[in-house]
N, C-alpha and C. Protein backbone atom coordinates (compact mmCIF):
# COMPACT_ATOMS: atom_id res chain seq x y z
N MET A 1 84.19 106.36 95.07
CA MET A 1 84.70 107.74 94.53
C MET A 1 84.94 108.49 95.99
N LYS A 2 85.94 109.26 95.93
CA LYS A 2 86.50 110.07 97.04
C LYS A 2 85.60 111.24 96.81
N SER A 3 85.53 111.83 98.04
CA SER A 3 84.87 113.26 98.20
C SER A 3 85.60 114.13 97.96
N SER A 4 86.98 114.03 98.36
CA SER A 4 87.93 114.93 98.26
C SER A 4 89.11 114.40 97.53
N LEU A 5 89.61 114.77 96.45
CA LEU A 5 90.94 114.30 96.03
C LEU A 5 91.86 114.80 96.30
N ASP A 6 93.16 114.00 96.18
CA ASP A 6 94.63 114.15 96.63
C ASP A 6 94.94 114.83 95.12
N LEU A 7 95.11 115.98 94.74
CA LEU A 7 95.90 116.32 93.56
C LEU A 7 97.33 117.04 93.82
N LEU A 8 98.20 116.42 92.66
CA LEU A 8 99.46 116.99 92.77
C LEU A 8 99.74 117.94 91.39
N LEU A 9 99.97 119.40 91.44
CA LEU A 9 99.77 120.17 90.83
C LEU A 9 101.43 120.46 90.38
N VAL A 10 101.73 120.66 89.03
CA VAL A 10 103.18 120.67 88.86
C VAL A 10 103.04 122.00 87.75
N ASP A 11 103.40 123.06 87.86
CA ASP A 11 103.47 124.29 87.31
C ASP A 11 104.65 125.07 87.77
N ALA A 12 105.61 125.74 86.86
CA ALA A 12 106.84 126.45 86.89
C ALA A 12 106.63 127.96 87.46
N SER A 13 105.36 128.44 87.08
CA SER A 13 105.03 129.76 87.23
C SER A 13 104.55 129.80 88.76
N PRO A 14 105.00 130.49 89.68
CA PRO A 14 104.55 130.66 91.03
C PRO A 14 103.01 131.10 91.19
N SER A 15 103.09 132.30 90.29
CA SER A 15 101.58 133.00 90.31
C SER A 15 100.50 131.70 89.73
N ALA A 16 100.64 131.12 88.60
CA ALA A 16 99.87 130.19 88.01
C ALA A 16 99.60 128.91 89.44
N ARG A 17 100.51 128.64 89.81
CA ARG A 17 100.45 127.75 90.79
C ARG A 17 99.54 128.00 91.97
N TYR A 18 99.88 129.24 92.28
CA TYR A 18 98.87 129.66 93.70
C TYR A 18 97.47 130.13 93.06
N ALA A 19 97.49 130.59 91.83
CA ALA A 19 95.97 130.75 91.49
C ALA A 19 95.22 129.16 91.23
N LEU A 20 96.20 128.34 90.55
CA LEU A 20 95.30 127.27 90.47
C LEU A 20 95.30 126.14 91.53
N ARG A 21 95.85 126.40 92.55
CA ARG A 21 95.69 125.72 93.87
C ARG A 21 94.58 126.33 94.77
N LEU A 22 94.25 127.55 94.76
CA LEU A 22 93.17 128.23 95.38
C LEU A 22 92.19 127.73 94.61
N LEU A 23 91.80 127.74 93.30
CA LEU A 23 90.73 127.22 92.39
C LEU A 23 90.20 125.72 92.84
N LEU A 24 91.47 124.82 92.74
CA LEU A 24 91.20 123.58 92.97
C LEU A 24 90.59 123.50 94.68
N GLN A 25 91.43 124.00 95.36
CA GLN A 25 91.07 124.18 96.77
C GLN A 25 89.54 124.48 97.18
N ARG A 26 89.04 125.52 96.42
CA ARG A 26 87.54 125.88 96.30
C ARG A 26 86.61 124.78 96.06
N HIS A 27 87.07 123.82 95.36
CA HIS A 27 86.09 122.84 94.78
C HIS A 27 86.55 121.45 95.79
N GLY A 28 87.03 121.83 96.85
CA GLY A 28 87.58 120.79 97.88
C GLY A 28 88.13 119.77 97.72
N MET A 29 89.31 120.03 96.75
CA MET A 29 90.55 119.21 96.61
C MET A 29 91.39 119.54 97.41
N GLN A 30 92.35 118.71 97.95
CA GLN A 30 93.57 118.76 98.76
C GLN A 30 94.70 118.89 97.41
N VAL A 31 95.50 119.64 97.57
CA VAL A 31 96.47 120.31 96.60
C VAL A 31 97.99 120.49 97.16
N ARG A 32 98.70 119.51 96.66
CA ARG A 32 100.29 119.92 96.96
C ARG A 32 100.88 120.29 95.60
N ALA A 33 101.58 121.38 95.68
CA ALA A 33 102.07 122.16 94.31
C ALA A 33 103.46 122.33 94.33
N VAL A 34 104.05 121.64 93.12
CA VAL A 34 105.75 121.71 92.83
C VAL A 34 105.96 122.45 91.74
N GLU A 35 107.06 123.03 91.49
CA GLU A 35 107.69 123.71 90.41
C GLU A 35 108.42 122.90 88.89
N SER A 36 108.32 121.89 89.75
CA SER A 36 109.08 120.85 88.47
C SER A 36 108.71 119.30 88.38
N ALA A 37 108.54 118.67 87.35
CA ALA A 37 108.45 117.32 87.29
C ALA A 37 109.35 116.44 88.09
N GLU A 38 110.56 116.99 88.13
CA GLU A 38 111.72 116.33 89.27
C GLU A 38 111.02 116.28 90.84
N ARG A 39 110.63 117.40 91.21
CA ARG A 39 110.09 117.48 92.38
C ARG A 39 108.70 116.37 92.63
N ALA A 40 108.09 116.56 91.42
CA ALA A 40 107.02 116.02 91.42
C ALA A 40 106.92 114.17 91.99
N LEU A 41 108.02 113.78 90.96
CA LEU A 41 108.47 112.10 91.20
C LEU A 41 109.01 112.09 92.55
N ALA A 42 109.60 112.81 93.04
CA ALA A 42 109.92 112.80 94.37
C ALA A 42 108.80 112.60 95.53
N LEU A 43 107.95 113.55 95.27
CA LEU A 43 106.69 113.48 96.21
C LEU A 43 105.72 112.20 95.85
N ILE A 44 105.96 111.95 94.39
CA ILE A 44 104.73 110.61 94.19
C ILE A 44 105.65 109.66 94.73
N GLY A 45 106.92 109.44 94.69
CA GLY A 45 107.51 108.35 94.96
C GLY A 45 107.33 108.05 96.73
N ASN A 46 107.14 109.20 97.40
CA ASN A 46 106.84 109.34 98.76
C ASN A 46 105.11 109.02 99.20
N SER A 47 104.87 109.46 98.52
CA SER A 47 102.97 109.51 98.44
C SER A 47 102.28 109.88 97.49
N ALA A 48 101.82 109.04 96.58
CA ALA A 48 100.70 108.89 95.54
C ALA A 48 99.77 109.80 95.61
N PRO A 49 99.66 110.83 94.76
CA PRO A 49 98.31 111.60 94.58
C PRO A 49 97.44 110.62 93.94
N ASP A 50 96.11 111.00 93.79
CA ASP A 50 94.98 110.64 93.13
C ASP A 50 95.19 111.13 91.74
N ALA A 51 95.72 112.07 91.48
CA ALA A 51 95.87 112.71 90.07
C ALA A 51 96.43 113.61 90.15
N VAL A 52 97.31 114.11 88.87
CA VAL A 52 98.42 114.87 88.51
C VAL A 52 97.88 115.81 87.75
N VAL A 53 97.98 117.22 87.58
CA VAL A 53 97.78 118.28 86.74
C VAL A 53 99.19 118.99 86.43
N THR A 54 99.44 118.69 85.23
CA THR A 54 100.88 119.42 85.22
C THR A 54 100.93 120.26 83.97
N ALA A 55 101.85 121.40 84.09
CA ALA A 55 101.93 122.24 82.75
C ALA A 55 102.69 121.60 81.84
N SER A 56 102.63 121.79 80.77
CA SER A 56 103.16 121.12 79.55
C SER A 56 104.76 121.46 79.30
N VAL A 57 105.17 122.68 79.68
CA VAL A 57 106.29 122.90 79.60
C VAL A 57 106.87 123.52 81.28
N LEU A 58 107.97 122.50 81.36
CA LEU A 58 108.54 122.75 83.04
C LEU A 58 109.94 123.11 82.57
N PRO A 59 110.43 123.40 83.92
CA PRO A 59 112.20 123.49 83.62
C PRO A 59 112.50 122.13 83.69
N GLY A 60 113.67 121.95 82.63
CA GLY A 60 114.31 120.44 83.23
C GLY A 60 112.96 119.28 82.22
N MET A 61 112.76 118.34 82.92
CA MET A 61 111.75 117.38 82.25
C MET A 61 110.24 118.32 81.91
N ASN A 62 109.83 117.61 80.67
CA ASN A 62 108.46 118.47 80.47
C ASN A 62 107.42 117.68 81.00
N GLY A 63 106.18 118.18 80.45
CA GLY A 63 104.89 117.24 81.16
C GLY A 63 104.71 115.85 80.35
N LEU A 64 105.18 115.78 78.92
CA LEU A 64 105.16 114.67 78.09
C LEU A 64 106.12 113.63 78.86
N GLU A 65 107.55 114.01 79.44
CA GLU A 65 108.42 112.88 79.72
C GLU A 65 107.64 112.63 81.39
N LEU A 66 107.27 113.57 81.94
CA LEU A 66 106.69 112.92 83.31
C LEU A 66 105.44 111.97 83.17
N LEU A 67 104.92 112.48 82.16
CA LEU A 67 103.75 111.36 81.80
C LEU A 67 104.24 109.85 81.59
N GLU A 68 105.26 110.05 80.44
CA GLU A 68 105.77 108.65 80.04
C GLU A 68 106.67 107.98 81.36
N LEU A 69 107.18 108.67 82.09
CA LEU A 69 107.86 108.01 83.28
C LEU A 69 106.63 107.19 84.54
N LEU A 70 105.61 108.29 84.53
CA LEU A 70 104.81 107.49 85.46
C LEU A 70 104.06 106.42 84.74
N LYS A 71 103.79 106.53 83.66
CA LYS A 71 103.00 105.21 82.75
C LYS A 71 104.00 104.13 82.86
N ALA A 72 105.54 104.26 82.84
CA ALA A 72 106.22 103.21 82.73
C ALA A 72 106.46 102.08 84.09
N ASP A 73 106.14 102.71 84.89
CA ASP A 73 106.09 102.31 86.52
C ASP A 73 104.88 101.76 86.91
N ARG A 74 104.61 100.44 86.96
CA ARG A 74 103.41 99.80 87.46
C ARG A 74 102.59 100.32 88.41
N THR A 75 103.60 101.08 89.50
CA THR A 75 102.78 101.25 90.78
C THR A 75 102.17 102.97 90.58
N THR A 76 102.67 103.44 89.68
CA THR A 76 102.18 104.83 89.12
C THR A 76 101.16 104.91 87.84
N ALA A 77 101.40 104.01 87.01
CA ALA A 77 100.56 103.89 85.53
C ALA A 77 99.24 104.02 85.48
N GLN A 78 98.45 103.98 86.91
CA GLN A 78 96.98 104.21 87.11
C GLN A 78 96.70 105.66 87.53
N ILE A 79 97.49 106.38 87.72
CA ILE A 79 97.27 107.79 88.13
C ILE A 79 96.89 108.78 86.83
N PRO A 80 95.57 109.43 87.01
CA PRO A 80 95.16 109.97 86.00
C PRO A 80 96.17 111.22 85.86
N LEU A 81 96.37 111.58 84.69
CA LEU A 81 97.24 112.81 84.26
C LEU A 81 96.91 113.72 83.46
N VAL A 82 96.47 115.12 83.72
CA VAL A 82 95.97 116.12 82.70
C VAL A 82 97.26 117.11 82.71
N ILE A 83 97.47 117.34 81.23
CA ILE A 83 98.18 118.28 80.97
C ILE A 83 97.71 119.61 80.26
N CYS A 84 98.02 120.67 81.01
CA CYS A 84 97.68 122.05 80.66
C CYS A 84 98.69 122.58 79.97
N CYS A 85 98.32 123.23 78.85
CA CYS A 85 99.38 124.09 77.95
C CYS A 85 98.50 125.51 77.66
N PRO A 86 99.48 126.49 77.25
CA PRO A 86 99.06 127.94 77.17
C PRO A 86 97.74 127.81 76.24
N ASP A 87 97.76 127.40 74.81
CA ASP A 87 96.66 127.63 73.87
C ASP A 87 95.67 126.29 73.53
N GLY A 88 96.23 125.03 74.17
CA GLY A 88 95.32 123.89 73.87
C GLY A 88 96.00 123.39 72.73
N SER A 89 96.96 124.01 71.73
CA SER A 89 97.48 123.24 70.74
C SER A 89 98.51 122.80 70.79
N TRP A 90 99.12 122.26 72.22
CA TRP A 90 100.35 122.04 72.44
C TRP A 90 100.95 120.97 71.35
N PRO A 91 101.98 121.13 70.63
CA PRO A 91 102.49 120.23 69.16
C PRO A 91 102.44 118.79 69.78
N PHE A 92 102.70 118.20 70.89
CA PHE A 92 102.66 116.91 71.44
C PHE A 92 101.26 116.61 72.00
N ALA A 93 100.10 117.20 71.86
CA ALA A 93 99.13 116.99 72.54
C ALA A 93 98.66 115.52 72.19
N GLN A 94 98.56 115.17 70.85
CA GLN A 94 98.26 113.96 70.37
C GLN A 94 98.98 112.86 70.84
N THR A 95 100.19 113.16 70.78
CA THR A 95 101.20 112.29 71.43
C THR A 95 100.93 111.55 72.80
N ALA A 96 100.65 112.67 73.72
CA ALA A 96 100.25 112.81 75.12
C ALA A 96 99.10 111.66 75.28
N LEU A 97 98.12 112.03 74.66
CA LEU A 97 96.87 111.37 74.44
C LEU A 97 96.85 109.83 74.23
N GLN A 98 97.82 109.51 73.18
CA GLN A 98 98.34 108.27 72.48
C GLN A 98 99.00 107.72 73.82
N ARG A 99 99.73 108.05 74.81
CA ARG A 99 100.68 107.48 75.65
C ARG A 99 100.23 107.64 77.14
N GLY A 100 98.86 108.17 77.20
CA GLY A 100 98.00 107.73 78.18
C GLY A 100 97.33 109.22 79.09
N ALA A 101 97.74 110.11 78.66
CA ALA A 101 97.26 111.25 79.27
C ALA A 101 95.47 111.39 79.47
N LEU A 102 95.11 111.60 80.41
CA LEU A 102 93.77 111.80 80.57
C LEU A 102 93.20 112.90 79.67
N ALA A 103 93.62 113.91 79.59
CA ALA A 103 93.34 115.02 78.57
C ALA A 103 94.70 115.94 78.68
N VAL A 104 94.51 117.00 77.30
CA VAL A 104 95.34 117.82 76.89
C VAL A 104 94.60 119.04 77.08
N LEU A 105 94.58 119.93 77.61
CA LEU A 105 93.78 121.01 77.70
C LEU A 105 94.20 122.66 77.88
N PRO A 106 93.85 123.67 77.40
CA PRO A 106 94.43 124.79 77.98
C PRO A 106 94.26 125.56 79.26
N ARG A 107 95.19 126.13 79.94
CA ARG A 107 94.73 126.52 81.27
C ARG A 107 93.60 126.88 81.43
N ASP A 108 93.11 127.88 80.42
CA ASP A 108 91.92 128.60 80.75
C ASP A 108 90.78 127.51 81.09
N ARG A 109 90.87 126.31 80.30
CA ARG A 109 89.47 125.50 80.29
C ARG A 109 89.50 124.97 81.80
N LEU A 110 90.84 124.53 82.33
CA LEU A 110 90.69 123.96 83.59
C LEU A 110 90.01 125.01 84.64
N LYS A 111 90.31 126.58 84.26
CA LYS A 111 89.87 127.60 85.46
C LYS A 111 88.33 127.49 85.22
N HIS A 112 87.87 127.44 83.76
CA HIS A 112 86.39 127.69 83.82
C HIS A 112 85.58 126.39 83.63
N ASP A 113 86.10 125.31 83.65
CA ASP A 113 85.33 124.09 83.65
C ASP A 113 86.13 123.11 84.48
N THR A 114 86.72 123.86 85.82
CA THR A 114 87.11 123.21 86.96
C THR A 114 86.39 121.90 87.10
N PRO A 115 84.79 121.92 87.45
CA PRO A 115 84.13 120.87 87.91
C PRO A 115 84.12 119.57 86.76
N GLY A 116 84.24 119.95 85.54
CA GLY A 116 84.07 118.87 84.41
C GLY A 116 85.41 118.15 84.25
N VAL A 117 86.39 119.05 84.43
CA VAL A 117 87.80 118.15 84.30
C VAL A 117 87.83 117.29 85.71
N LEU A 118 87.30 117.72 86.90
CA LEU A 118 87.52 116.95 88.05
C LEU A 118 86.32 115.68 88.09
N ALA A 119 85.34 115.88 87.01
CA ALA A 119 84.48 114.78 87.04
C ALA A 119 85.46 113.68 86.31
N GLN A 120 86.05 114.30 85.17
CA GLN A 120 86.71 113.41 84.14
C GLN A 120 87.53 112.70 85.09
N ILE A 121 88.37 113.18 85.86
CA ILE A 121 89.15 112.62 86.82
C ILE A 121 88.73 111.46 87.77
N GLU A 122 87.56 112.13 88.32
CA GLU A 122 86.89 110.87 89.22
C GLU A 122 86.49 109.95 88.52
N ALA A 123 85.76 110.02 87.24
CA ALA A 123 85.35 108.83 86.22
C ALA A 123 86.64 107.83 86.24
N ALA A 124 87.97 108.53 85.80
CA ALA A 124 88.94 107.52 85.44
C ALA A 124 89.18 106.96 86.72
N LEU A 125 89.35 107.40 88.02
CA LEU A 125 89.73 106.73 89.20
C LEU A 125 88.45 105.66 89.47
N ALA A 126 87.34 105.90 89.20
CA ALA A 126 86.42 104.93 89.51
C ALA A 126 86.53 103.69 88.82
N ALA A 127 87.01 103.91 87.41
CA ALA A 127 87.26 102.79 86.32
C ALA A 127 88.14 102.28 86.27
N THR A 128 89.37 102.54 87.44
CA THR A 128 90.61 101.93 87.40
C THR A 128 90.37 100.73 88.27
N PRO A 129 90.94 99.58 88.00
CA PRO A 129 90.73 98.78 88.68
C PRO A 129 91.87 98.51 89.92
N ALA A 130 91.57 98.03 91.06
CA ALA A 130 92.65 97.86 92.12
C ALA A 130 93.72 97.43 91.85
N PRO A 131 95.23 97.82 91.99
CA PRO A 131 95.98 97.22 91.63
C PRO A 131 96.54 96.01 92.54
N GLU A 132 96.70 95.05 91.84
CA GLU A 132 96.98 93.59 92.16
C GLU A 132 98.32 93.57 93.04
N PRO A 133 98.03 93.10 94.25
CA PRO A 133 99.21 92.79 95.15
C PRO A 133 100.54 92.16 94.30
N GLU A 134 101.61 92.48 94.98
CA GLU A 134 103.05 91.93 94.34
C GLU A 134 102.87 90.36 94.63
N PRO A 135 103.23 89.48 93.65
CA PRO A 135 103.16 88.05 94.01
C PRO A 135 104.19 87.88 95.04
N GLU A 136 103.68 87.19 95.94
CA GLU A 136 105.24 86.65 97.32
C GLU A 136 105.82 85.58 96.15
N PRO A 137 107.32 85.82 96.33
CA PRO A 137 108.48 84.98 96.19
C PRO A 137 107.89 83.79 96.43
N GLU A 138 108.19 82.78 95.71
CA GLU A 138 107.93 81.29 96.28
C GLU A 138 109.29 80.91 97.21
N PRO A 139 109.27 80.26 98.35
CA PRO A 139 110.44 79.80 98.93
C PRO A 139 111.09 78.81 98.26
N ALA A 140 112.70 78.98 98.45
CA ALA A 140 113.50 78.50 97.72
C ALA A 140 113.49 77.12 98.02
N GLN A 141 113.49 76.23 97.31
CA GLN A 141 113.38 74.71 97.30
C GLN A 141 114.66 74.09 97.83
N LYS A 142 114.95 73.44 98.50
CA LYS A 142 116.20 72.69 98.99
C LYS A 142 116.16 71.73 98.14
N PRO A 143 117.69 71.53 97.65
CA PRO A 143 117.87 70.24 96.79
C PRO A 143 117.55 68.96 97.47
N GLU A 144 117.01 67.98 96.59
CA GLU A 144 116.87 66.87 97.46
C GLU A 144 117.94 66.06 97.64
N PRO A 145 118.09 65.56 98.74
CA PRO A 145 119.74 64.95 98.97
C PRO A 145 119.62 63.51 98.13
N LYS A 146 121.04 63.43 97.79
CA LYS A 146 121.12 62.33 96.62
C LYS A 146 121.29 61.02 97.76
N PRO A 147 120.63 60.06 97.06
CA PRO A 147 120.52 58.83 97.93
C PRO A 147 121.60 58.04 98.07
N ALA A 148 121.77 57.42 99.01
CA ALA A 148 123.10 56.89 99.28
C ALA A 148 123.26 55.83 98.20
N PRO A 149 124.22 55.28 97.68
CA PRO A 149 124.69 54.27 97.17
C PRO A 149 124.49 53.27 97.59
N SER A 150 123.60 52.35 96.59
CA SER A 150 123.51 50.95 97.17
C SER A 150 124.30 49.88 97.33
N SER A 151 124.64 48.89 98.04
CA SER A 151 125.30 47.85 97.71
C SER A 151 125.40 47.44 96.52
N GLU A 152 124.30 47.40 95.68
CA GLU A 152 124.74 46.89 94.32
C GLU A 152 125.34 47.98 93.30
N THR A 153 125.09 49.26 93.52
CA THR A 153 125.73 49.86 92.55
C THR A 153 127.12 50.42 93.45
N ALA A 154 127.39 49.98 94.32
CA ALA A 154 128.55 50.32 94.95
C ALA A 154 129.84 49.49 94.69
N ALA A 155 129.26 48.18 94.60
CA ALA A 155 130.36 47.05 94.13
C ALA A 155 130.83 47.16 92.94
N PRO A 156 130.26 47.88 91.77
CA PRO A 156 131.01 47.72 90.56
C PRO A 156 131.77 48.83 90.76
N ALA A 157 131.56 50.07 91.39
CA ALA A 157 132.20 51.17 91.60
C ALA A 157 133.90 50.72 92.46
N HIS A 158 133.50 49.86 93.28
CA HIS A 158 135.02 49.37 93.99
C HIS A 158 135.80 48.63 93.27
N ARG A 159 134.83 47.62 92.22
CA ARG A 159 135.82 47.01 91.60
C ARG A 159 136.34 47.72 90.44
N PHE A 160 135.85 48.24 89.94
CA PHE A 160 136.49 49.80 89.02
C PHE A 160 137.67 50.28 89.33
N ILE A 161 137.73 50.59 90.61
CA ILE A 161 138.76 51.20 91.38
C ILE A 161 139.60 50.41 91.63
N ALA A 162 139.35 49.34 91.88
CA ALA A 162 140.72 48.03 92.23
C ALA A 162 141.15 47.89 90.62
N LEU A 163 140.42 47.59 89.75
CA LEU A 163 140.96 47.41 88.28
C LEU A 163 141.86 48.51 87.88
N ALA A 164 141.53 49.88 88.37
CA ALA A 164 142.39 50.98 87.75
C ALA A 164 143.68 50.95 88.64
N ARG A 165 143.45 50.39 89.94
CA ARG A 165 144.84 50.56 90.73
C ARG A 165 145.77 49.09 90.07
N ILE A 166 145.26 48.19 89.58
CA ILE A 166 145.68 47.07 89.22
C ILE A 166 146.64 47.54 87.93
N TRP A 167 145.72 48.01 87.11
CA TRP A 167 146.33 48.46 85.54
C TRP A 167 147.30 49.61 85.81
N LYS A 168 147.56 50.43 86.75
CA LYS A 168 148.32 51.57 87.13
C LYS A 168 149.86 50.79 87.29
N TRP A 169 149.63 49.89 88.55
CA TRP A 169 150.76 49.09 88.84
C TRP A 169 151.21 47.90 87.62
N TRP A 170 150.54 47.52 87.07
CA TRP A 170 151.15 46.67 85.80
C TRP A 170 151.97 47.33 84.99
N ARG A 171 151.10 48.87 84.54
CA ARG A 171 151.88 49.37 83.50
C ARG A 171 153.20 50.06 83.90
N ARG A 172 153.25 50.30 85.39
CA ARG A 172 154.44 50.96 85.70
C ARG A 172 155.60 49.54 86.00
N ARG A 173 155.06 48.39 86.42
CA ARG A 173 156.04 47.14 86.24
C ARG A 173 156.24 46.80 84.62
N LEU A 174 155.46 46.91 83.71
CA LEU A 174 155.86 46.74 82.78
C LEU A 174 156.68 47.77 81.75
N HIS A 175 156.53 49.00 82.03
CA HIS A 175 157.37 49.91 81.79
C HIS A 175 158.78 49.86 82.23
N SER A 176 159.08 49.61 83.67
CA SER A 176 160.24 49.17 84.10
C SER A 176 161.26 48.03 83.44
N ARG A 177 160.19 47.02 83.17
CA ARG A 177 160.71 45.81 82.76
C ARG A 177 161.25 46.37 81.10
N MET A 178 160.63 46.92 80.61
CA MET A 178 160.92 47.13 79.07
C MET A 178 162.15 47.77 79.31
N LEU A 179 162.15 48.74 80.11
CA LEU A 179 163.65 49.50 80.31
C LEU A 179 164.66 48.66 80.56
N ASP A 180 164.46 47.88 81.63
CA ASP A 180 165.36 46.71 81.90
C ASP A 180 165.97 45.50 80.68
N VAL A 181 165.08 45.48 80.00
CA VAL A 181 165.27 44.51 78.66
C VAL A 181 166.22 45.50 77.94
N VAL A 182 165.63 46.76 77.60
CA VAL A 182 166.39 47.68 76.79
C VAL A 182 167.93 47.85 77.09
N PHE A 183 167.91 48.04 78.48
CA PHE A 183 169.42 48.31 79.17
C PHE A 183 170.49 47.14 79.01
N VAL A 184 169.72 45.87 78.90
CA VAL A 184 170.25 44.54 78.98
C VAL A 184 170.81 44.46 77.63
N GLY A 185 169.97 44.74 76.73
CA GLY A 185 170.14 44.55 75.07
C GLY A 185 171.15 45.43 74.72
N VAL A 186 171.47 46.85 75.31
CA VAL A 186 172.51 47.70 74.81
C VAL A 186 173.59 46.89 75.57
N GLY A 187 173.53 46.63 76.63
CA GLY A 187 174.94 46.14 77.73
C GLY A 187 175.35 44.96 76.59
N VAL A 188 174.62 43.84 76.17
CA VAL A 188 174.95 42.78 75.66
C VAL A 188 175.72 43.01 74.29
N MET A 189 174.99 44.27 73.29
CA MET A 189 175.46 44.76 72.18
C MET A 189 177.08 45.32 72.36
N LEU A 190 176.99 46.14 73.43
CA LEU A 190 178.26 46.77 73.91
C LEU A 190 179.29 45.59 73.86
N LEU A 191 179.23 44.58 74.60
CA LEU A 191 180.30 43.55 75.06
C LEU A 191 180.37 42.79 73.71
N GLU A 192 179.59 42.81 72.81
CA GLU A 192 179.66 41.79 71.53
C GLU A 192 180.50 42.85 70.86
N GLY A 193 180.72 44.19 70.73
CA GLY A 193 181.11 44.98 70.02
C GLY A 193 182.68 44.86 70.59
N LEU A 194 182.93 44.93 71.89
CA LEU A 194 184.31 44.80 72.60
C LEU A 194 184.95 43.69 72.16
N ARG A 195 184.32 42.63 72.30
CA ARG A 195 184.84 41.39 72.02
C ARG A 195 185.45 41.16 70.47
N HIS A 196 184.38 41.58 69.57
CA HIS A 196 184.72 41.48 68.25
C HIS A 196 186.00 42.48 67.96
N GLY A 197 185.92 43.61 68.37
CA GLY A 197 186.83 44.75 68.56
C GLY A 197 188.35 44.03 68.94
N ALA A 198 188.31 43.21 69.84
CA ALA A 198 189.54 43.01 70.21
C ALA A 198 189.99 41.59 69.43
C-alpha cells in the first residue's frame, strides 16, 4: 500500500477544488486538480493516478460518464473512482455503484471523513490485482514452401498438356476439313444446277 496516494480531483468549482485539494494534501496525498472530465481523461492518458475523486455534475461530460469511460478501458478499469454530489442523493447514485464507482457520497462527508474515504480507496487498491501484461503478438509464420513436383506427378501433367495441344490441333484441322467438304459440296451442287439448267 502506498503511503502517499496520487489523487486526481475533478470539480468545476474553483473554490471547491481549492478547498478539497488542501484537505487531501493535509492527509499526505498528492493531488492534481482539473475542472472537467475531458481534462481528467487527457491527464489520465498521460499519467494515470491511483484514484479519482470527481463531482457528479461537471461542464460537458458528467461524473457518471467519466466513470463509464474509465471502466470501459482495461488500462484504467481498476482505478478507484469516488463521486461526490451536493447532498448524497444524486439520482444516478445506484447506477454509478452498479457500474463500478467505489463510493457515491456527499461532498460534506468527504470533508468530515477524509481518513475513512482514503482508507476505502487504499483498501480497493490493495485488493486490485496487478494488471496482466499485454500478450506479445506471435511472430508471423512464413508459408511453407510448396514441394517441387516429383517426376511421378510431373509426368502426367506433361502428358495432359501434350494431349490438350494435340486435341486443339486436331479440332482445328477437323473444322477446316469440314469447311472444305461444305465448300466442295456447294460447288458441286452449283455445277449440277448449271448443267441441268443448260
